[in-house]
């Protein structure tokens, strides 16, 4: 399958410790438990699979009924996993696949971010809304942001600051009780948004690189990376020293990046088809990835701290001159 669809062009780097082929018809969602002992994956057909970490041994599998599954999260009780998808429902499961609770969230879910202490979730919707829910089904807040699909949502660690982006390239950031404020738009719409746990800056991703908005500023900084396609998903390491990234649509690279400079700190064997998601274990030992190639892959992260090069934070990164063809409808899963 190597090289299909133009998503396997960069040289091979570090190898995964486990590759599970045909885990899903195509991967969309990943999660790791708070104790770093369990992983969960989900895909286009709505099936959840649980894995023992760090080795990636299969534990359980069941059908959720979501169809296209968008988000997964292990709950704080350590006994349940939450799922949501394009059907507009949240469902909570025991680890044997028994359904404990379900509730509607109003419309199709198109983006997902786990809330503070795994007790809430932030959802982006196909109708342009963002919502914040307790896991017991109580809606905390709703924001009507756009008439376009919400492509990314996030919150900082304290769940006091939120951000979202839509398919038109609009980006908003706001404190929980304030009106969402619009930030400078990037050259391609963000597929992922995360807050840097060290600096508080908002970091996003799109074609070829990272987008950065300082904590108290709406001005955009574009950070080039070694990715050769859409940087589809980001997750910061717990201490904020590096950010894990995966790309698609002409690339499937998995890279650990310096979030300030975009420099590659480590690279991993790419998927055969376009990448979807990455997830880091809280203990810093394991990374999981999934892809359009139907596999789930398990990697060991560096045991010694990564050396992050010093950069001049005042020096602007090279701007990217990019036209985003996906606003015309290509690669709708991105």
C-alpha atoms as a PDB file:
ATOM      1  CA  UNK A   1       0.000   0.000   0.000  1.00  0.00           C
ATOM      2  CA  UNK A   2       3.022   2.273   0.324  1.00  0.00           C
ATOM      3  CA  UNK A   3       2.754   5.449  -1.686  1.00  0.00           C
ATOM      4  CA  UNK A   4      -0.981   5.258  -2.430  1.00  0.00           C
ATOM      5  CA  UNK A   5      -2.877   8.555  -2.711  1.00  0.00           C
ATOM      6  CA  UNK A   6       0.340  10.549  -2.511  1.00  0.00           C
ATOM      7  CA  UNK A   7       0.537  10.316   1.293  1.00  0.00           C
ATOM      8  CA  UNK A   8       3.864   8.528   1.778  1.00  0.00           C
ATOM      9  CA  UNK A   9       6.730  10.632   0.446  1.00  0.00           C
ATOM     10  CA  UNK A  10       9.153  11.366   3.309  1.00  0.00           C
ATOM     11  CA  UNK A  11      11.965   8.976   4.347  1.00  0.00           C
ATOM     12  CA  UNK A  12      11.242   6.419   7.088  1.00  0.00           C
ATOM     13  CA  UNK A  13      12.431   7.412  10.557  1.00  0.00           C
ATOM     14  CA  UNK A  14      11.809   5.504  13.823  1.00  0.00           C
ATOM     15  CA  UNK A  15       9.694   2.367  13.731  1.00  0.00           C
ATOM     16  CA  UNK A  16       6.500   1.682  15.710  1.00  0.00           C
ATOM     17  CA  UNK A  17       6.661  -1.087  18.305  1.00  0.00           C
ATOM     18  CA  UNK A  18       3.283  -2.448  17.182  1.00  0.00           C
ATOM     19  CA  UNK A  19       1.162  -2.105  14.047  1.00  0.00           C
ATOM     20  CA  UNK A  20      -2.386  -3.470  14.127  1.00  0.00           C
ATOM     21  CA  UNK A  21      -3.638  -3.620  10.543  1.00  0.00           C
ATOM     22  CA  UNK A  22      -7.356  -3.504   9.703  1.00  0.00           C
ATOM     23  CA  UNK A  23      -8.226  -2.207  13.169  1.00  0.00           C
ATOM     24  CA  UNK A  24     -10.876   0.099  11.647  1.00  0.00           C
ATOM     25  CA  UNK A  25     -12.208   0.866   8.193  1.00  0.00           C
ATOM     26  CA  UNK A  26     -10.397   4.191   8.711  1.00  0.00           C
ATOM     27  CA  UNK A  27      -9.297   5.884  11.926  1.00  0.00           C
ATOM     28  CA  UNK A  28     -10.847   9.069  13.342  1.00  0.00           C
ATOM     29  CA  UNK A  29     -10.464   9.146  17.143  1.00  0.00           C
ATOM     30  CA  UNK A  30      -7.937   8.213  19.850  1.00  0.00           C
ATOM     31  CA  UNK A  31      -7.683   8.469  23.635  1.00  0.00           C
ATOM     32  CA  UNK A  32      -5.365   7.337  26.439  1.00  0.00           C
ATOM     33  CA  UNK A  33      -6.436   6.742  30.033  1.00  0.00           C
ATOM     34  CA  UNK A  34      -5.175   8.939  32.874  1.00  0.00           C
ATOM     35  CA  UNK A  35      -2.997   6.113  34.237  1.00  0.00           C
ATOM     36  CA  UNK A  36      -1.495   5.506  30.751  1.00  0.00           C
ATOM     37  CA  UNK A  37      -2.445   1.817  30.881  1.00  0.00           C
ATOM     38  CA  UNK A  38      -5.268   1.828  28.305  1.00  0.00           C
ATOM     39  CA  UNK A  39      -5.762   3.224  24.829  1.00  0.00           C
ATOM     40  CA  UNK A  40      -8.944   3.565  22.782  1.00  0.00           C
ATOM     41  CA  UNK A  41      -9.389   3.997  19.044  1.00  0.00           C
ATOM     42  CA  UNK A  42     -12.401   4.633  16.813  1.00  0.00           C
ATOM     43  CA  UNK A  43     -13.101   4.937  13.134  1.00  0.00           C
ATOM     44  CA  UNK A  44     -15.433   5.686  10.270  1.00  0.00           C
ATOM     45  CA  UNK A  45     -17.724   2.697  10.937  1.00  0.00           C
ATOM     46  CA  UNK A  46     -18.338   3.648  14.583  1.00  0.00           C
ATOM     47  CA  UNK A  47     -16.425   0.808  16.274  1.00  0.00           C
ATOM     48  CA  UNK A  48     -14.385   1.320  19.462  1.00  0.00           C
ATOM     49  CA  UNK A  49     -11.362  -0.832  20.243  1.00  0.00           C
ATOM     50  CA  UNK A  50      -9.567  -0.885  23.592  1.00  0.00           C
ATOM     51  CA  UNK A  51      -5.835  -1.607  23.868  1.00  0.00           C
ATOM     52  CA  UNK A  52      -3.429  -2.500  26.647  1.00  0.00           C
ATOM     53  CA  UNK A  53      -0.505  -0.072  26.797  1.00  0.00           C
ATOM     54  CA  UNK A  54       2.356   0.201  26.169  1.00  0.00           C
ATOM     55  CA  UNK A  55       2.467  -2.914  23.981  1.00  0.00           C
ATOM     56  CA  UNK A  56      -0.827  -2.331  22.107  1.00  0.00           C
ATOM     57  CA  UNK A  57      -2.479  -5.678  22.901  1.00  0.00           C
ATOM     58  CA  UNK A  58      -6.206  -5.822  22.018  1.00  0.00           C
ATOM     59  CA  UNK A  59      -8.626  -5.979  24.955  1.00  0.00           C
ATOM     60  CA  UNK A  60     -12.182  -5.345  23.686  1.00  0.00           C
ATOM     61  CA  UNK A  61     -14.170  -4.107  20.704  1.00  0.00           C
ATOM     62  CA  UNK A  62     -17.769  -3.010  20.156  1.00  0.00           C
ATOM     63  CA  UNK A  63     -20.032  -1.042  17.847  1.00  0.00           C
ATOM     64  CA  UNK A  64     -21.230   2.369  19.067  1.00  0.00           C
ATOM     65  CA  UNK A  65     -23.940   3.191  16.526  1.00  0.00           C
ATOM     66  CA  UNK A  66     -22.411   6.631  15.845  1.00  0.00           C
ATOM     67  CA  UNK A  67     -21.465   5.928  12.258  1.00  0.00           C
ATOM     68  CA  UNK A  68     -18.473   8.207  11.744  1.00  0.00           C
ATOM     69  CA  UNK A  69     -16.891   8.384  15.209  1.00  0.00           C
ATOM     70  CA  UNK A  70     -15.341  11.791  16.040  1.00  0.00           C
ATOM     71  CA  UNK A  71     -14.159  11.778  19.669  1.00  0.00           C
ATOM     72  CA  UNK A  72     -13.165   9.469  22.543  1.00  0.00           C
ATOM     73  CA  UNK A  73     -12.298  10.159  26.187  1.00  0.00           C
ATOM     74  CA  UNK A  74     -11.655   7.973  29.234  1.00  0.00           C
ATOM     75  CA  UNK A  75     -13.710   9.252  32.167  1.00  0.00           C
ATOM     76  CA  UNK A  76     -12.207  10.301  35.483  1.00  0.00           C
ATOM     77  CA  UNK A  77     -13.706   7.269  37.263  1.00  0.00           C
ATOM     78  CA  UNK A  78     -11.321   4.983  35.349  1.00  0.00           C
ATOM     79  CA  UNK A  79     -14.200   2.636  34.475  1.00  0.00           C
ATOM     80  CA  UNK A  80     -15.846   4.203  31.418  1.00  0.00           C
ATOM     81  CA  UNK A  81     -15.049   5.607  27.993  1.00  0.00           C
ATOM     82  CA  UNK A  82     -17.061   8.352  26.274  1.00  0.00           C
ATOM     83  CA  UNK A  83     -17.701   8.476  22.525  1.00  0.00           C
ATOM     84  CA  UNK A  84     -19.378  10.915  20.146  1.00  0.00           C
ATOM     85  CA  UNK A  85     -19.893  11.157  16.414  1.00  0.00           C
ATOM     86  CA  UNK A  86     -21.706  12.473  13.389  1.00  0.00           C
ATOM     87  CA  UNK A  87     -25.035  11.119  14.655  1.00  0.00           C
ATOM     88  CA  UNK A  88     -25.178  13.931  17.251  1.00  0.00           C
ATOM     89  CA  UNK A  89     -25.091  11.739  20.361  1.00  0.00           C
ATOM     90  CA  UNK A  90     -22.707  11.230  23.264  1.00  0.00           C
ATOM     91  CA  UNK A  91     -22.525   7.698  24.635  1.00  0.00           C
ATOM     92  CA  UNK A  92     -20.743   6.386  27.733  1.00  0.00           C
ATOM     93  CA  UNK A  93     -19.571   2.783  27.860  1.00  0.00           C
ATOM     94  CA  UNK A  94     -18.227   0.291  30.338  1.00  0.00           C
ATOM     95  CA  UNK A  95     -15.012  -1.338  29.171  1.00  0.00           C
ATOM     96  CA  UNK A  96     -16.916  -4.496  28.169  1.00  0.00           C
ATOM     97  CA  UNK A  97     -19.009  -2.505  25.673  1.00  0.00           C
ATOM     98  CA  UNK A  98     -22.119  -2.175  27.834  1.00  0.00           C
ATOM     99  CA  UNK A  99     -23.872   1.176  27.287  1.00  0.00           C
ATOM    100  CA  UNK A 100     -24.215   3.145  30.547  1.00  0.00           C
ATOM    101  CA  UNK A 101     -25.668   6.435  29.310  1.00  0.00           C
ATOM    102  CA  UNK A 102     -26.464   8.339  26.119  1.00  0.00           C
ATOM    103  CA  UNK A 103     -27.775  11.810  25.339  1.00  0.00           C
ATOM    104  CA  UNK A 104     -28.319  13.958  22.234  1.00  0.00           C
ATOM    105  CA  UNK A 105     -26.196  17.073  21.735  1.00  0.00           C
ATOM    106  CA  UNK A 106     -28.373  18.789  19.148  1.00  0.00           C
ATOM    107  CA  UNK A 107     -26.586  18.231  15.830  1.00  0.00           C
ATOM    108  CA  UNK A 108     -23.747  16.360  14.134  1.00  0.00           C
ATOM    109  CA  UNK A 109     -20.445  16.516  16.006  1.00  0.00           C
ATOM    110  CA  UNK A 110     -17.546  17.455  13.727  1.00  0.00           C
ATOM    111  CA  UNK A 111     -14.796  18.220  16.258  1.00  0.00           C
ATOM    112  CA  UNK A 112     -14.017  17.224  19.827  1.00  0.00           C
ATOM    113  CA  UNK A 113     -11.778  18.133  22.756  1.00  0.00           C
ATOM    114  CA  UNK A 114     -11.682  16.545  26.248  1.00  0.00           C
ATOM    115  CA  UNK A 115     -12.569  18.909  29.065  1.00  0.00           C
ATOM    116  CA  UNK A 116     -10.903  19.576  32.408  1.00  0.00           C
ATOM    117  CA  UNK A 117     -10.206  16.453  34.518  1.00  0.00           C
ATOM    118  CA  UNK A 118     -12.163  14.291  32.037  1.00  0.00           C
ATOM    119  CA  UNK A 119     -15.441  15.523  33.542  1.00  0.00           C
ATOM    120  CA  UNK A 120     -16.639  17.480  30.502  1.00  0.00           C
ATOM    121  CA  UNK A 121     -16.259  17.668  26.719  1.00  0.00           C
ATOM    122  CA  UNK A 122     -16.094  20.526  24.211  1.00  0.00           C
ATOM    123  CA  UNK A 123     -17.829  19.817  20.911  1.00  0.00           C
ATOM    124  CA  UNK A 124     -17.838  21.513  17.531  1.00  0.00           C
ATOM    125  CA  UNK A 125     -20.873  20.968  15.322  1.00  0.00           C
ATOM    126  CA  UNK A 126     -21.660  20.831  11.641  1.00  0.00           C
ATOM    127  CA  UNK A 127     -24.136  23.716  12.016  1.00  0.00           C
ATOM    128  CA  UNK A 128     -21.459  26.141  13.251  1.00  0.00           C
ATOM    129  CA  UNK A 129     -22.066  25.870  16.999  1.00  0.00           C
ATOM    130  CA  UNK A 130     -19.653  24.982  19.777  1.00  0.00           C
ATOM    131  CA  UNK A 131     -20.964  23.431  22.983  1.00  0.00           C
ATOM    132  CA  UNK A 132     -19.602  22.456  26.405  1.00  0.00           C
ATOM    133  CA  UNK A 133     -21.139  19.471  28.210  1.00  0.00           C
ATOM    134  CA  UNK A 134     -20.704  17.724  31.528  1.00  0.00           C
ATOM    135  CA  UNK A 135     -20.307  13.995  31.023  1.00  0.00           C
ATOM    136  CA  UNK A 136     -23.621  13.446  32.856  1.00  0.00           C
ATOM    137  CA  UNK A 137     -25.430  15.131  29.951  1.00  0.00           C
ATOM    138  CA  UNK A 138     -25.903  18.652  31.333  1.00  0.00           C
ATOM    139  CA  UNK A 139     -25.073  21.335  28.795  1.00  0.00           C
ATOM    140  CA  UNK A 140     -22.919  24.028  30.363  1.00  0.00           C
ATOM    141  CA  UNK A 141     -22.624  26.512  27.483  1.00  0.00           C
ATOM    142  CA  UNK A 142     -23.390  26.998  23.810  1.00  0.00           C
ATOM    143  CA  UNK A 143     -21.813  29.458  21.373  1.00  0.00           C
ATOM    144  CA  UNK A 144     -23.271  30.182  17.937  1.00  0.00           C
ATOM    145  CA  UNK A 145     -20.147  30.984  15.959  1.00  0.00           C
ATOM    146  CA  UNK A 146     -20.714  30.397  12.257  1.00  0.00           C
ATOM    147  CA  UNK A 147     -22.831  28.969   9.483  1.00  0.00           C
ATOM    148  CA  UNK A 148     -19.959  26.679   8.461  1.00  0.00           C
ATOM    149  CA  UNK A 149     -18.735  23.409   9.927  1.00  0.00           C
ATOM    150  CA  UNK A 150     -16.622  23.769  13.084  1.00  0.00           C
ATOM    151  CA  UNK A 151     -13.326  22.039  12.288  1.00  0.00           C
ATOM    152  CA  UNK A 152     -11.540  22.375  15.647  1.00  0.00           C
ATOM    153  CA  UNK A 153     -12.333  23.178  19.277  1.00  0.00           C
ATOM    154  CA  UNK A 154     -10.124  23.348  22.351  1.00  0.00           C
ATOM    155  CA  UNK A 155      -9.789  24.721  25.883  1.00  0.00           C
ATOM    156  CA  UNK A 156      -6.861  25.497  28.138  1.00  0.00           C
ATOM    157  CA  UNK A 157      -6.056  23.306  31.140  1.00  0.00           C
ATOM    158  CA  UNK A 158      -8.226  25.283  33.547  1.00  0.00           C
ATOM    159  CA  UNK A 159     -11.152  25.307  31.072  1.00  0.00           C
ATOM    160  CA  UNK A 160     -11.310  29.086  31.415  1.00  0.00           C
ATOM    161  CA  UNK A 161     -10.281  29.929  27.850  1.00  0.00           C
ATOM    162  CA  UNK A 162     -11.815  28.334  24.754  1.00  0.00           C
ATOM    163  CA  UNK A 163     -11.072  28.460  21.033  1.00  0.00           C
ATOM    164  CA  UNK A 164     -12.671  27.207  17.835  1.00  0.00           C
ATOM    165  CA  UNK A 165     -12.247  27.363  14.050  1.00  0.00           C
ATOM    166  CA  UNK A 166     -14.555  26.792  11.104  1.00  0.00           C
ATOM    167  CA  UNK A 167     -14.165  25.556   7.539  1.00  0.00           C
ATOM    168  CA  UNK A 168     -14.120  29.117   6.220  1.00  0.00           C
ATOM    169  CA  UNK A 169     -10.883  29.793   8.134  1.00  0.00           C
ATOM    170  CA  UNK A 170     -12.396  31.886  10.942  1.00  0.00           C
ATOM    171  CA  UNK A 171     -10.770  31.444  14.373  1.00  0.00           C
ATOM    172  CA  UNK A 172     -12.219  32.542  17.714  1.00  0.00           C
ATOM    173  CA  UNK A 173     -10.820  32.679  21.238  1.00  0.00           C
ATOM    174  CA  UNK A 174     -12.697  33.692  24.385  1.00  0.00           C
ATOM    175  CA  UNK A 175     -12.967  33.360  28.139  1.00  0.00           C
ATOM    176  CA  UNK A 176     -15.819  31.177  29.286  1.00  0.00           C
ATOM    177  CA  UNK A 177     -18.309  33.967  30.073  1.00  0.00           C
ATOM    178  CA  UNK A 178     -17.211  36.416  27.355  1.00  0.00           C
ATOM    179  CA  UNK A 179     -18.329  36.901  23.767  1.00  0.00           C
ATOM    180  CA  UNK A 180     -16.018  34.975  21.375  1.00  0.00           C
ATOM    181  CA  UNK A 181     -13.442  37.275  19.806  1.00  0.00           C
ATOM    182  CA  UNK A 182     -12.199  36.679  16.276  1.00  0.00           C
ATOM    183  CA  UNK A 183      -8.462  36.246  15.619  1.00  0.00           C
ATOM    184  CA  UNK A 184      -6.480  36.864  12.454  1.00  0.00           C
ATOM    185  CA  UNK A 185      -7.321  34.093   9.970  1.00  0.00           C
ATOM    186  CA  UNK A 186      -4.600  31.713   8.756  1.00  0.00           C
ATOM    187  CA  UNK A 187      -4.009  30.909   5.066  1.00  0.00           C
ATOM    188  CA  UNK A 188      -5.794  27.530   5.375  1.00  0.00           C
ATOM    189  CA  UNK A 189      -8.511  26.588   7.826  1.00  0.00           C
ATOM    190  CA  UNK A 190      -7.286  24.988  11.078  1.00  0.00           C
ATOM    191  CA  UNK A 191      -7.744  21.227  11.394  1.00  0.00           C
ATOM    192  CA  UNK A 192      -6.540  21.205  14.998  1.00  0.00           C
ATOM    193  CA  UNK A 193      -6.263  23.735  17.839  1.00  0.00           C
ATOM    194  CA  UNK A 194      -4.426  23.374  21.167  1.00  0.00           C
ATOM    195  CA  UNK A 195      -3.258  25.715  23.913  1.00  0.00           C
ATOM    196  CA  UNK A 196       0.428  25.616  24.846  1.00  0.00           C
ATOM    197  CA  UNK A 197       0.437  24.616  28.542  1.00  0.00           C
ATOM    198  CA  UNK A 198       3.597  26.686  29.151  1.00  0.00           C
ATOM    199  CA  UNK A 199       2.941  29.956  27.343  1.00  0.00           C
ATOM    200  CA  UNK A 200      -0.843  29.951  26.962  1.00  0.00           C
ATOM    201  CA  UNK A 201      -0.548  30.706  23.239  1.00  0.00           C
ATOM    202  CA  UNK A 202      -3.070  29.138  20.886  1.00  0.00           C
ATOM    203  CA  UNK A 203      -1.518  26.811  18.302  1.00  0.00           C
ATOM    204  CA  UNK A 204      -3.300  25.487  15.223  1.00  0.00           C
ATOM    205  CA  UNK A 205      -2.411  23.512  12.119  1.00  0.00           C
ATOM    206  CA  UNK A 206      -3.267  23.413   8.424  1.00  0.00           C
ATOM    207  CA  UNK A 207      -1.362  23.086   5.166  1.00  0.00           C
ATOM    208  CA  UNK A 208       2.375  22.462   5.788  1.00  0.00           C
ATOM    209  CA  UNK A 209       2.768  24.050   9.190  1.00  0.00           C
ATOM    210  CA  UNK A 210       1.613  25.530  12.482  1.00  0.00           C
ATOM    211  CA  UNK A 211      -0.355  28.680  13.250  1.00  0.00           C
ATOM    212  CA  UNK A 212       0.288  30.580  16.479  1.00  0.00           C
ATOM    213  CA  UNK A 213      -1.622  33.342  18.272  1.00  0.00           C
ATOM    214  CA  UNK A 214       0.007  34.775  21.459  1.00  0.00           C
ATOM    215  CA  UNK A 215      -2.013  34.598  24.659  1.00  0.00           C
ATOM    216  CA  UNK A 216      -2.951  38.281  24.680  1.00  0.00           C
ATOM    217  CA  UNK A 217      -2.811  39.064  20.956  1.00  0.00           C
ATOM    218  CA  UNK A 218      -4.944  38.298  17.896  1.00  0.00           C
ATOM    219  CA  UNK A 219      -2.043  38.536  15.425  1.00  0.00           C
ATOM    220  CA  UNK A 220      -1.108  35.376  13.554  1.00  0.00           C
ATOM    221  CA  UNK A 221       2.377  33.872  13.332  1.00  0.00           C
ATOM    222  CA  UNK A 222       2.952  31.112  10.757  1.00  0.00           C
ATOM    223  CA  UNK A 223       5.525  28.458  11.659  1.00  0.00           C
ATOM    224  CA  UNK A 224       6.832  26.276   8.799  1.00  0.00           C
ATOM    225  CA  UNK A 225       7.468  22.571   9.466  1.00  0.00           C
ATOM    226  CA  UNK A 226       8.851  19.562   7.586  1.00  0.00           C
ATOM    227  CA  UNK A 227       5.308  18.327   6.878  1.00  0.00           C
ATOM    228  CA  UNK A 228       4.519  18.180   3.151  1.00  0.00           C
ATOM    229  CA  UNK A 229       0.743  18.224   3.435  1.00  0.00           C
ATOM    230  CA  UNK A 230      -2.067  19.135   5.837  1.00  0.00           C
ATOM    231  CA  UNK A 231      -1.008  18.956   9.475  1.00  0.00           C
ATOM    232  CA  UNK A 232      -4.223  17.289  10.573  1.00  0.00           C
ATOM    233  CA  UNK A 233      -3.847  16.862  14.332  1.00  0.00           C
ATOM    234  CA  UNK A 234      -1.722  18.171  17.208  1.00  0.00           C
ATOM    235  CA  UNK A 235      -1.170  17.247  20.842  1.00  0.00           C
ATOM    236  CA  UNK A 236       1.246  18.867  23.265  1.00  0.00           C
ATOM    237  CA  UNK A 237       3.387  16.769  25.565  1.00  0.00           C
ATOM    238  CA  UNK A 238       2.246  17.268  29.145  1.00  0.00           C
ATOM    239  CA  UNK A 239       5.107  19.629  29.975  1.00  0.00           C
ATOM    240  CA  UNK A 240       4.670  21.638  26.760  1.00  0.00           C
ATOM    241  CA  UNK A 241       8.232  21.098  25.520  1.00  0.00           C
ATOM    242  CA  UNK A 242       7.182  19.537  22.217  1.00  0.00           C
ATOM    243  CA  UNK A 243       4.088  18.934  20.138  1.00  0.00           C
ATOM    244  CA  UNK A 244       3.151  15.706  18.347  1.00  0.00           C
ATOM    245  CA  UNK A 245       1.763  16.120  14.825  1.00  0.00           C
ATOM    246  CA  UNK A 246       0.440  13.979  11.985  1.00  0.00           C
ATOM    247  CA  UNK A 247      -0.272  14.975   8.388  1.00  0.00           C
ATOM    248  CA  UNK A 248      -2.387  13.914   5.419  1.00  0.00           C
ATOM    249  CA  UNK A 249      -3.298  14.895   1.833  1.00  0.00           C
ATOM    250  CA  UNK A 250       0.138  14.420   0.113  1.00  0.00           C
ATOM    251  CA  UNK A 251       1.891  13.348   3.336  1.00  0.00           C
ATOM    252  CA  UNK A 252       1.486  10.987   6.303  1.00  0.00           C
ATOM    253  CA  UNK A 253       4.445  12.041   8.459  1.00  0.00           C
ATOM    254  CA  UNK A 254       4.369  11.743  12.264  1.00  0.00           C
ATOM    255  CA  UNK A 255       6.708  14.301  13.805  1.00  0.00           C
ATOM    256  CA  UNK A 256       7.550  15.673  17.235  1.00  0.00           C
ATOM    257  CA  UNK A 257       8.062  19.411  16.765  1.00  0.00           C
ATOM    258  CA  UNK A 258       9.489  22.341  18.664  1.00  0.00           C
ATOM    259  CA  UNK A 259       6.300  24.463  18.931  1.00  0.00           C
ATOM    260  CA  UNK A 260       8.288  27.730  18.808  1.00  0.00           C
ATOM    261  CA  UNK A 261      10.372  27.087  15.700  1.00  0.00           C
ATOM    262  CA  UNK A 262       8.609  24.161  13.966  1.00  0.00           C
ATOM    263  CA  UNK A 263      11.918  22.253  13.942  1.00  0.00           C
ATOM    264  CA  UNK A 264      11.626  18.439  13.856  1.00  0.00           C
ATOM    265  CA  UNK A 265      12.837  16.848  17.092  1.00  0.00           C
ATOM    266  CA  UNK A 266      11.926  13.251  16.181  1.00  0.00           C
ATOM    267  CA  UNK A 267      10.165  11.461  13.334  1.00  0.00           C
ATOM    268  CA  UNK A 268       8.356   8.131  13.146  1.00  0.00           C
ATOM    269  CA  UNK A 269       7.460   5.627  10.443  1.00  0.00           C
ATOM    270  CA  UNK A 270       4.607   7.003   8.398  1.00  0.00           C
ATOM    271  CA  UNK A 271       1.251   5.395   7.683  1.00  0.00           C
ATOM    272  CA  UNK A 272       0.676   3.964   4.212  1.00  0.00           C
ATOM    273  CA  UNK A 273      -2.248   6.359   3.694  1.00  0.00           C
ATOM    274  CA  UNK A 274      -3.146   9.808   5.004  1.00  0.00           C
ATOM    275  CA  UNK A 275      -2.762  10.336   8.762  1.00  0.00           C
ATOM    276  CA  UNK A 276      -5.644  11.257  11.059  1.00  0.00           C
ATOM    277  CA  UNK A 277      -4.863  11.475  14.796  1.00  0.00           C
ATOM    278  CA  UNK A 278      -2.104  11.139  17.380  1.00  0.00           C
ATOM    279  CA  UNK A 279      -2.456  10.625  21.144  1.00  0.00           C
ATOM    280  CA  UNK A 280       0.247  10.853  23.828  1.00  0.00           C
ATOM    281  CA  UNK A 281       0.103   8.962  27.112  1.00  0.00           C
ATOM    282  CA  UNK A 282       0.149  11.152  30.244  1.00  0.00           C
ATOM    283  CA  UNK A 283       3.266   9.352  31.527  1.00  0.00           C
ATOM    284  CA  UNK A 284       5.153  10.408  28.391  1.00  0.00           C
ATOM    285  CA  UNK A 285       6.050   6.862  27.324  1.00  0.00           C
ATOM    286  CA  UNK A 286       3.671   6.007  24.470  1.00  0.00           C
ATOM    287  CA  UNK A 287       2.190   7.594  21.357  1.00  0.00           C
ATOM    288  CA  UNK A 288      -0.681   6.130  19.305  1.00  0.00           C
ATOM    289  CA  UNK A 289      -1.639   7.069  15.748  1.00  0.00           C
ATOM    290  CA  UNK A 290      -4.350   6.149  13.265  1.00  0.00           C
ATOM    291  CA  UNK A 291      -4.983   6.770   9.608  1.00  0.00           C
ATOM    292  CA  UNK A 292      -7.044   6.221   6.493  1.00  0.00           C
ATOM    293  CA  UNK A 293      -4.995   3.010   6.039  1.00  0.00           C
ATOM    294  CA  UNK A 294      -7.166   1.323   8.759  1.00  0.00           C
ATOM    295  CA  UNK A 295      -4.227   0.600  11.097  1.00  0.00           C
ATOM    296  CA  UNK A 296      -3.567   1.670  14.671  1.00  0.00           C
ATOM    297  CA  UNK A 297       0.112   2.112  15.523  1.00  0.00           C
ATOM    298  CA  UNK A 298       1.922   2.245  18.855  1.00  0.00           C
ATOM    299  CA  UNK A 299       5.236   4.033  19.418  1.00  0.00           C
ATOM    300  CA  UNK A 300       7.643   4.480  22.311  1.00  0.00           C
ATOM    301  CA  UNK A 301       8.487   8.095  22.995  1.00  0.00           C
ATOM    302  CA  UNK A 302      12.064   9.169  23.804  1.00  0.00           C
ATOM    303  CA  UNK A 303      13.015   8.180  27.366  1.00  0.00           C
ATOM    304  CA  UNK A 304      15.405  11.117  27.759  1.00  0.00           C
ATOM    305  CA  UNK A 305      14.151  14.708  27.499  1.00  0.00           C
ATOM    306  CA  UNK A 306      14.231  16.119  23.989  1.00  0.00           C
ATOM    307  CA  UNK A 307      16.680  18.949  23.460  1.00  0.00           C
ATOM    308  CA  UNK A 308      14.576  21.881  22.282  1.00  0.00           C
ATOM    309  CA  UNK A 309      16.713  24.413  20.394  1.00  0.00           C
ATOM    310  CA  UNK A 310      16.667  28.012  21.566  1.00  0.00           C
ATOM    311  CA  UNK A 311      14.916  30.355  19.148  1.00  0.00           C
ATOM    312  CA  UNK A 312      14.359  34.081  18.950  1.00  0.00           C
ATOM    313  CA  UNK A 313      10.701  34.398  19.905  1.00  0.00           C
ATOM    314  CA  UNK A 314      10.649  37.942  18.532  1.00  0.00           C
ATOM    315  CA  UNK A 315      11.706  36.898  15.063  1.00  0.00           C
ATOM    316  CA  UNK A 316       8.627  36.209  12.899  1.00  0.00           C
ATOM    317  CA  UNK A 317       8.449  32.841  11.178  1.00  0.00           C
ATOM    318  CA  UNK A 318       8.452  32.730   7.398  1.00  0.00           C
ATOM    319  CA  UNK A 319       4.913  33.349   6.118  1.00  0.00           C
ATOM    320  CA  UNK A 320       3.348  30.567   4.068  1.00  0.00           C
ATOM    321  CA  UNK A 321       1.872  31.439   0.699  1.00  0.00           C
ATOM    322  CA  UNK A 322      -0.832  28.783   0.516  1.00  0.00           C
ATOM    323  CA  UNK A 323      -4.161  28.515  -1.239  1.00  0.00           C
ATOM    324  CA  UNK A 324      -6.411  26.033   0.531  1.00  0.00           C
ATOM    325  CA  UNK A 325      -8.160  23.836  -2.064  1.00  0.00           C
ATOM    326  CA  UNK A 326     -10.257  22.104   0.577  1.00  0.00           C
ATOM    327  CA  UNK A 327     -12.716  24.940   0.932  1.00  0.00           C
ATOM    328  CA  UNK A 328     -13.979  23.694  -2.418  1.00  0.00           C
ATOM    329  CA  UNK A 329     -14.820  20.340  -0.859  1.00  0.00           C
ATOM    330  CA  UNK A 330     -11.737  18.114  -1.190  1.00  0.00           C
ATOM    331  CA  UNK A 331     -10.713  15.799   1.679  1.00  0.00           C
ATOM    332  CA  UNK A 332     -13.863  16.337   3.713  1.00  0.00           C
ATOM    333  CA  UNK A 333     -12.604  14.220   6.624  1.00  0.00           C
ATOM    334  CA  UNK A 334      -9.792  16.694   7.396  1.00  0.00           C
END
